[in-house]
Amino acid sequence: MELPTKVRIYSQMLGLSGNPGMLMGVRPEGYYELQIANKEGEVHVVLLPIAQTGLIFFEPEPRIEAIGDVER
């Protein structure tokens, strides 16, 4: 995973439900380091605990075509 990367953030602690943000890093202390813009457009750095935070990456995984039946 390359950082920074765009994510959607889910955190009951901050009342975030899919808010856009930027994942800057994962701290060894157990926190995500994120940048989140407030309503005025100002960007703030926040540390959210990994165990209580959900992230969905903006970029989807590459589509893998299913392999059909293999003849033997």
PDB file of N, CA and C in Angstrom:
ATOM      1  N   MET A   1       0.850  -1.170   0.000  1.00  0.00           N
ATOM      2  CA  MET A   1       0.000   0.000   0.000  1.00  0.00           C
ATOM      3  C   MET A   1       0.898   1.235   0.000  1.00  0.00           C
ATOM      4  N   GLU A   2       0.628   2.113  -0.925  1.00  0.00           N
ATOM      5  CA  GLU A   2       1.392   3.353  -1.011  1.00  0.00           C
ATOM      6  C   GLU A   2       0.697   4.444  -0.202  1.00  0.00           C
ATOM      7  N   LEU A   3       1.491   5.205   0.541  1.00  0.00           N
ATOM      8  CA  LEU A   3       0.949   6.295   1.347  1.00  0.00           C
ATOM      9  C   LEU A   3       1.548   7.597   0.863  1.00  0.00           C
ATOM     10  N   PRO A   4       0.827   8.681   0.917  1.00  0.00           N
ATOM     11  CA  PRO A   4      -0.557   8.811   1.373  1.00  0.00           C
ATOM     12  C   PRO A   4      -1.536   8.256   0.342  1.00  0.00           C
ATOM     13  N   THR A   5      -2.734   7.920   0.816  1.00  0.00           N
ATOM     14  CA  THR A   5      -3.776   7.408  -0.062  1.00  0.00           C
ATOM     15  C   THR A   5      -5.141   7.889   0.412  1.00  0.00           C
ATOM     16  N   LYS A   6      -6.054   8.097  -0.533  1.00  0.00           N
ATOM     17  CA  LYS A   6      -7.401   8.579  -0.203  1.00  0.00           C
ATOM     18  C   LYS A   6      -8.235   7.440   0.382  1.00  0.00           C
ATOM     19  N   VAL A   7      -8.988   7.769   1.434  1.00  0.00           N
ATOM     20  CA  VAL A   7      -9.838   6.779   2.096  1.00  0.00           C
ATOM     21  C   VAL A   7     -11.169   7.406   2.501  1.00  0.00           C
ATOM     22  N   ARG A   8     -12.125   6.547   2.815  1.00  0.00           N
ATOM     23  CA  ARG A   8     -13.363   6.949   3.495  1.00  0.00           C
ATOM     24  C   ARG A   8     -13.213   6.483   4.933  1.00  0.00           C
ATOM     25  N   ILE A   9     -13.571   7.353   5.870  1.00  0.00           N
ATOM     26  CA  ILE A   9     -13.312   7.090   7.284  1.00  0.00           C
ATOM     27  C   ILE A   9     -14.617   6.870   8.030  1.00  0.00           C
ATOM     28  N   TYR A  10     -14.636   5.800   8.821  1.00  0.00           N
ATOM     29  CA  TYR A  10     -15.783   5.480   9.673  1.00  0.00           C
ATOM     30  C   TYR A  10     -15.287   5.453  11.116  1.00  0.00           C
ATOM     31  N   SER A  11     -15.797   6.382  11.937  1.00  0.00           N
ATOM     32  CA  SER A  11     -15.374   6.469  13.330  1.00  0.00           C
ATOM     33  C   SER A  11     -16.532   6.983  14.169  1.00  0.00           C
ATOM     34  N   GLN A  12     -17.041   6.130  15.038  1.00  0.00           N
ATOM     35  CA  GLN A  12     -18.118   6.545  15.927  1.00  0.00           C
ATOM     36  C   GLN A  12     -17.615   7.618  16.897  1.00  0.00           C
ATOM     37  N   MET A  13     -16.352   7.531  17.259  1.00  0.00           N
ATOM     38  CA  MET A  13     -15.741   8.479  18.190  1.00  0.00           C
ATOM     39  C   MET A  13     -15.871   9.923  17.697  1.00  0.00           C
ATOM     40  N   LEU A  14     -15.663  10.136  16.398  1.00  0.00           N
ATOM     41  CA  LEU A  14     -15.752  11.487  15.828  1.00  0.00           C
ATOM     42  C   LEU A  14     -17.034  11.704  15.033  1.00  0.00           C
ATOM     43  N   GLY A  15     -17.896  10.696  14.986  1.00  0.00           N
ATOM     44  CA  GLY A  15     -19.135  10.830  14.234  1.00  0.00           C
ATOM     45  C   GLY A  15     -18.916  10.850  12.729  1.00  0.00           C
ATOM     46  N   LEU A  16     -17.909  10.126  12.274  1.00  0.00           N
ATOM     47  CA  LEU A  16     -17.608  10.076  10.843  1.00  0.00           C
ATOM     48  C   LEU A  16     -18.240   8.829  10.233  1.00  0.00           C
ATOM     49  N   SER A  17     -18.948   9.028   9.143  1.00  0.00           N
ATOM     50  CA  SER A  17     -19.617   7.910   8.491  1.00  0.00           C
ATOM     51  C   SER A  17     -19.321   7.950   6.994  1.00  0.00           C
ATOM     52  N   GLY A  18     -18.120   7.517   6.644  1.00  0.00           N
ATOM     53  CA  GLY A  18     -17.727   7.520   5.245  1.00  0.00           C
ATOM     54  C   GLY A  18     -17.174   8.846   4.775  1.00  0.00           C
ATOM     55  N   ASN A  19     -16.718   9.673   5.694  1.00  0.00           N
ATOM     56  CA  ASN A  19     -16.154  10.970   5.320  1.00  0.00           C
ATOM     57  C   ASN A  19     -14.823  10.781   4.583  1.00  0.00           C
ATOM     58  N   PRO A  20     -14.578  11.605   3.553  1.00  0.00           N
ATOM     59  CA  PRO A  20     -13.312  11.477   2.830  1.00  0.00           C
ATOM     60  C   PRO A  20     -12.147  11.987   3.661  1.00  0.00           C
ATOM     61  N   GLY A  21     -11.008  11.367   3.453  1.00  0.00           N
ATOM     62  CA  GLY A  21      -9.795  11.783   4.145  1.00  0.00           C
ATOM     63  C   GLY A  21      -8.582  11.201   3.451  1.00  0.00           C
ATOM     64  N   MET A  22      -7.434  11.450   4.029  1.00  0.00           N
ATOM     65  CA  MET A  22      -6.178  10.964   3.472  1.00  0.00           C
ATOM     66  C   MET A  22      -5.438  10.198   4.567  1.00  0.00           C
ATOM     67  N   LEU A  23      -5.156   8.914   4.284  1.00  0.00           N
ATOM     68  CA  LEU A  23      -4.356   8.113   5.211  1.00  0.00           C
ATOM     69  C   LEU A  23      -2.894   8.461   4.976  1.00  0.00           C
ATOM     70  N   MET A  24      -2.254   9.011   6.010  1.00  0.00           N
ATOM     71  CA  MET A  24      -0.870   9.430   5.904  1.00  0.00           C
ATOM     72  C   MET A  24       0.089   8.368   6.417  1.00  0.00           C
ATOM     73  N   GLY A  25      -0.377   7.584   7.390  1.00  0.00           N
ATOM     74  CA  GLY A  25       0.497   6.566   7.961  1.00  0.00           C
ATOM     75  C   GLY A  25      -0.236   5.733   8.991  1.00  0.00           C
ATOM     76  N   VAL A  26       0.427   4.655   9.396  1.00  0.00           N
ATOM     77  CA  VAL A  26      -0.075   3.789  10.454  1.00  0.00           C
ATOM     78  C   VAL A  26       0.991   3.791  11.537  1.00  0.00           C
ATOM     79  N   ARG A  27       0.636   4.324  12.697  1.00  0.00           N
ATOM     80  CA  ARG A  27       1.590   4.464  13.787  1.00  0.00           C
ATOM     81  C   ARG A  27       1.773   3.144  14.532  1.00  0.00           C
ATOM     82  N   PRO A  28       2.975   2.826  14.958  1.00  0.00           N
ATOM     83  CA  PRO A  28       3.209   1.574  15.698  1.00  0.00           C
ATOM     84  C   PRO A  28       2.483   1.542  17.045  1.00  0.00           C
ATOM     85  N   GLU A  29       2.057   2.702  17.532  1.00  0.00           N
ATOM     86  CA  GLU A  29       1.329   2.772  18.798  1.00  0.00           C
ATOM     87  C   GLU A  29      -0.128   2.343  18.648  1.00  0.00           C
ATOM     88  N   GLY A  30      -0.567   2.022  17.419  1.00  0.00           N
ATOM     89  CA  GLY A  30      -1.930   1.550  17.189  1.00  0.00           C
ATOM     90  C   GLY A  30      -2.894   2.613  16.695  1.00  0.00           C
ATOM     91  N   TYR A  31      -2.388   3.604  15.971  1.00  0.00           N
ATOM     92  CA  TYR A  31      -3.235   4.689  15.472  1.00  0.00           C
ATOM     93  C   TYR A  31      -3.050   4.876  13.977  1.00  0.00           C
ATOM     94  N   TYR A  32      -4.154   5.263  13.306  1.00  0.00           N
ATOM     95  CA  TYR A  32      -4.062   5.749  11.941  1.00  0.00           C
ATOM     96  C   TYR A  32      -3.771   7.236  12.012  1.00  0.00           C
ATOM     97  N   GLU A  33      -2.860   7.715  11.194  1.00  0.00           N
ATOM     98  CA  GLU A  33      -2.621   9.155  11.059  1.00  0.00           C
ATOM     99  C   GLU A  33      -3.360   9.584   9.804  1.00  0.00           C
ATOM    100  N   LEU A  34      -4.364  10.448   9.981  1.00  0.00           N
ATOM    101  CA  LEU A  34      -5.243  10.841   8.888  1.00  0.00           C
ATOM    102  C   LEU A  34      -5.304  12.352   8.753  1.00  0.00           C
ATOM    103  N   GLN A  35      -5.566  12.807   7.541  1.00  0.00           N
ATOM    104  CA  GLN A  35      -5.878  14.217   7.305  1.00  0.00           C
ATOM    105  C   GLN A  35      -7.349  14.285   6.932  1.00  0.00           C
ATOM    106  N   ILE A  36      -8.078  15.171   7.628  1.00  0.00           N
ATOM    107  CA  ILE A  36      -9.508  15.334   7.393  1.00  0.00           C
ATOM    108  C   ILE A  36      -9.806  16.823   7.267  1.00  0.00           C
ATOM    109  N   ALA A  37     -10.616  17.186   6.267  1.00  0.00           N
ATOM    110  CA  ALA A  37     -11.017  18.582   6.098  1.00  0.00           C
ATOM    111  C   ALA A  37     -12.303  18.832   6.872  1.00  0.00           C
ATOM    112  N   ASN A  38     -12.373  19.997   7.546  1.00  0.00           N
ATOM    113  CA  ASN A  38     -13.601  20.363   8.255  1.00  0.00           C
ATOM    114  C   ASN A  38     -14.548  21.083   7.283  1.00  0.00           C
ATOM    115  N   LYS A  39     -15.680  21.553   7.793  1.00  0.00           N
ATOM    116  CA  LYS A  39     -16.690  22.195   6.936  1.00  0.00           C
ATOM    117  C   LYS A  39     -16.175  23.447   6.248  1.00  0.00           C
ATOM    118  N   GLU A  40     -15.201  24.116   6.858  1.00  0.00           N
ATOM    119  CA  GLU A  40     -14.632  25.329   6.268  1.00  0.00           C
ATOM    120  C   GLU A  40     -13.536  25.009   5.264  1.00  0.00           C
ATOM    121  N   GLY A  41     -13.210  23.728   5.099  1.00  0.00           N
ATOM    122  CA  GLY A  41     -12.178  23.331   4.158  1.00  0.00           C
ATOM    123  C   GLY A  41     -10.772  23.289   4.733  1.00  0.00           C
ATOM    124  N   GLU A  42     -10.649  23.559   6.026  1.00  0.00           N
ATOM    125  CA  GLU A  42      -9.342  23.507   6.674  1.00  0.00           C
ATOM    126  C   GLU A  42      -8.976  22.043   6.925  1.00  0.00           C
ATOM    127  N   VAL A  43      -7.727  21.705   6.647  1.00  0.00           N
ATOM    128  CA  VAL A  43      -7.265  20.330   6.810  1.00  0.00           C
ATOM    129  C   VAL A  43      -6.612  20.165   8.175  1.00  0.00           C
ATOM    130  N   HIS A  44      -7.031  19.116   8.886  1.00  0.00           N
ATOM    131  CA  HIS A  44      -6.496  18.822  10.212  1.00  0.00           C
ATOM    132  C   HIS A  44      -5.931  17.408  10.236  1.00  0.00           C
ATOM    133  N   VAL A  45      -4.877  17.219  11.000  1.00  0.00           N
ATOM    134  CA  VAL A  45      -4.316  15.892  11.220  1.00  0.00           C
ATOM    135  C   VAL A  45      -4.977  15.303  12.449  1.00  0.00           C
ATOM    136  N   VAL A  46      -5.450  14.062  12.332  1.00  0.00           N
ATOM    137  CA  VAL A  46      -6.046  13.366  13.478  1.00  0.00           C
ATOM    138  C   VAL A  46      -5.405  11.998  13.606  1.00  0.00           C
ATOM    139  N   LEU A  47      -5.342  11.523  14.835  1.00  0.00           N
ATOM    140  CA  LEU A  47      -4.905  10.164  15.129  1.00  0.00           C
ATOM    141  C   LEU A  47      -6.111   9.417  15.652  1.00  0.00           C
ATOM    142  N   LEU A  48      -6.489   8.342  14.976  1.00  0.00           N
ATOM    143  CA  LEU A  48      -7.641   7.546  15.400  1.00  0.00           C
ATOM    144  C   LEU A  48      -7.182   6.124  15.686  1.00  0.00           C
ATOM    145  N   PRO A  49      -7.701   5.528  16.767  1.00  0.00           N
ATOM    146  CA  PRO A  49      -7.282   4.169  17.109  1.00  0.00           C
ATOM    147  C   PRO A  49      -7.717   3.165  16.042  1.00  0.00           C
ATOM    148  N   ILE A  50      -6.797   2.306  15.660  1.00  0.00           N
ATOM    149  CA  ILE A  50      -7.065   1.307  14.620  1.00  0.00           C
ATOM    150  C   ILE A  50      -8.254   0.437  15.002  1.00  0.00           C
ATOM    151  N   ALA A  51      -8.329   0.032  16.267  1.00  0.00           N
ATOM    152  CA  ALA A  51      -9.373  -0.892  16.714  1.00  0.00           C
ATOM    153  C   ALA A  51     -10.780  -0.298  16.639  1.00  0.00           C
ATOM    154  N   GLN A  52     -10.903   1.032  16.580  1.00  0.00           N
ATOM    155  CA  GLN A  52     -12.215   1.675  16.589  1.00  0.00           C
ATOM    156  C   GLN A  52     -12.484   2.484  15.327  1.00  0.00           C
ATOM    157  N   THR A  53     -11.703   2.234  14.288  1.00  0.00           N
ATOM    158  CA  THR A  53     -11.818   3.010  13.062  1.00  0.00           C
ATOM    159  C   THR A  53     -11.884   2.080  11.861  1.00  0.00           C
ATOM    160  N   GLY A  54     -12.807   2.370  10.958  1.00  0.00           N
ATOM    161  CA  GLY A  54     -12.898   1.627   9.705  1.00  0.00           C
ATOM    162  C   GLY A  54     -12.460   2.509   8.555  1.00  0.00           C
ATOM    163  N   LEU A  55     -11.717   1.933   7.629  1.00  0.00           N
ATOM    164  CA  LEU A  55     -11.271   2.658   6.448  1.00  0.00           C
ATOM    165  C   LEU A  55     -11.648   1.877   5.201  1.00  0.00           C
ATOM    166  N   ILE A  56     -12.109   2.579   4.186  1.00  0.00           N
ATOM    167  CA  ILE A  56     -12.327   1.988   2.873  1.00  0.00           C
ATOM    168  C   ILE A  56     -11.504   2.826   1.900  1.00  0.00           C
ATOM    169  N   PHE A  57     -10.671   2.155   1.131  1.00  0.00           N
ATOM    170  CA  PHE A  57      -9.824   2.848   0.178  1.00  0.00           C
ATOM    171  C   PHE A  57     -10.649   3.305  -1.026  1.00  0.00           C
ATOM    172  N   PHE A  58     -10.392   4.531  -1.517  1.00  0.00           N
ATOM    173  CA  PHE A  58     -11.117   5.073  -2.661  1.00  0.00           C
ATOM    174  C   PHE A  58     -10.877   4.251  -3.915  1.00  0.00           C
ATOM    175  N   GLU A  59      -9.629   3.842  -4.138  1.00  0.00           N
ATOM    176  CA  GLU A  59      -9.279   3.106  -5.341  1.00  0.00           C
ATOM    177  C   GLU A  59      -9.663   1.639  -5.180  1.00  0.00           C
ATOM    178  N   PRO A  60     -10.496   1.119  -6.074  1.00  0.00           N
ATOM    179  CA  PRO A  60     -10.868  -0.290  -5.974  1.00  0.00           C
ATOM    180  C   PRO A  60      -9.710  -1.194  -6.388  1.00  0.00           C
ATOM    181  N   GLU A  61      -9.786  -2.428  -5.962  1.00  0.00           N
ATOM    182  CA  GLU A  61      -8.802  -3.423  -6.372  1.00  0.00           C
ATOM    183  C   GLU A  61      -8.993  -3.715  -7.856  1.00  0.00           C
ATOM    184  N   PRO A  62      -7.928  -4.090  -8.545  1.00  0.00           N
ATOM    185  CA  PRO A  62      -8.080  -4.436  -9.957  1.00  0.00           C
ATOM    186  C   PRO A  62      -9.023  -5.628 -10.108  1.00  0.00           C
ATOM    187  N   ARG A  63      -9.838  -5.573 -11.132  1.00  0.00           N
ATOM    188  CA  ARG A  63     -10.795  -6.653 -11.372  1.00  0.00           C
ATOM    189  C   ARG A  63     -10.049  -7.864 -11.919  1.00  0.00           C
ATOM    190  N   ILE A  64     -10.331  -9.016 -11.338  1.00  0.00           N
ATOM    191  CA  ILE A  64      -9.719 -10.259 -11.785  1.00  0.00           C
ATOM    192  C   ILE A  64     -10.795 -11.074 -12.481  1.00  0.00           C
ATOM    193  N   GLU A  65     -10.550 -11.393 -13.722  1.00  0.00           N
ATOM    194  CA  GLU A  65     -11.515 -12.185 -14.475  1.00  0.00           C
ATOM    195  C   GLU A  65     -11.516 -13.614 -13.943  1.00  0.00           C
ATOM    196  N   ALA A  66     -12.704 -14.151 -13.779  1.00  0.00           N
ATOM    197  CA  ALA A  66     -12.831 -15.524 -13.303  1.00  0.00           C
ATOM    198  C   ALA A  66     -12.332 -16.481 -14.378  1.00  0.00           C
ATOM    199  N   ILE A  67     -11.621 -17.485 -13.932  1.00  0.00           N
ATOM    200  CA  ILE A  67     -11.130 -18.498 -14.842  1.00  0.00           C
ATOM    201  C   ILE A  67     -12.190 -19.577 -14.951  1.00  0.00           C
ATOM    202  N   GLY A  68     -12.588 -19.892 -16.167  1.00  0.00           N
ATOM    203  CA  GLY A  68     -13.622 -20.911 -16.386  1.00  0.00           C
ATOM    204  C   GLY A  68     -13.099 -22.307 -16.091  1.00  0.00           C
ATOM    205  N   ASP A  69     -13.889 -23.291 -16.413  1.00  0.00           N
ATOM    206  CA  ASP A  69     -13.503 -24.677 -16.210  1.00  0.00           C
ATOM    207  C   ASP A  69     -12.222 -24.975 -16.995  1.00  0.00           C
ATOM    208  N   VAL A  70     -11.343 -25.667 -16.357  1.00  0.00           N
ATOM    209  CA  VAL A  70     -10.079 -26.033 -16.991  1.00  0.00           C
ATOM    210  C   VAL A  70     -10.203 -27.433 -17.560  1.00  0.00           C
ATOM    211  N   GLU A  71      -9.880 -27.580 -18.843  1.00  0.00           N
ATOM    212  CA  GLU A  71      -9.922 -28.907 -19.458  1.00  0.00           C
ATOM    213  C   GLU A  71      -8.681 -29.675 -19.063  1.00  0.00           C
ATOM    214  N   ARG A  72      -8.856 -30.957 -18.786  1.00  0.00           N
ATOM    215  CA  ARG A  72      -7.707 -31.807 -18.423  1.00  0.00           C
ATOM    216  C   ARG A  72      -7.508 -32.877 -19.422  1.00  0.00           C
TER     217      ARG A  72
END
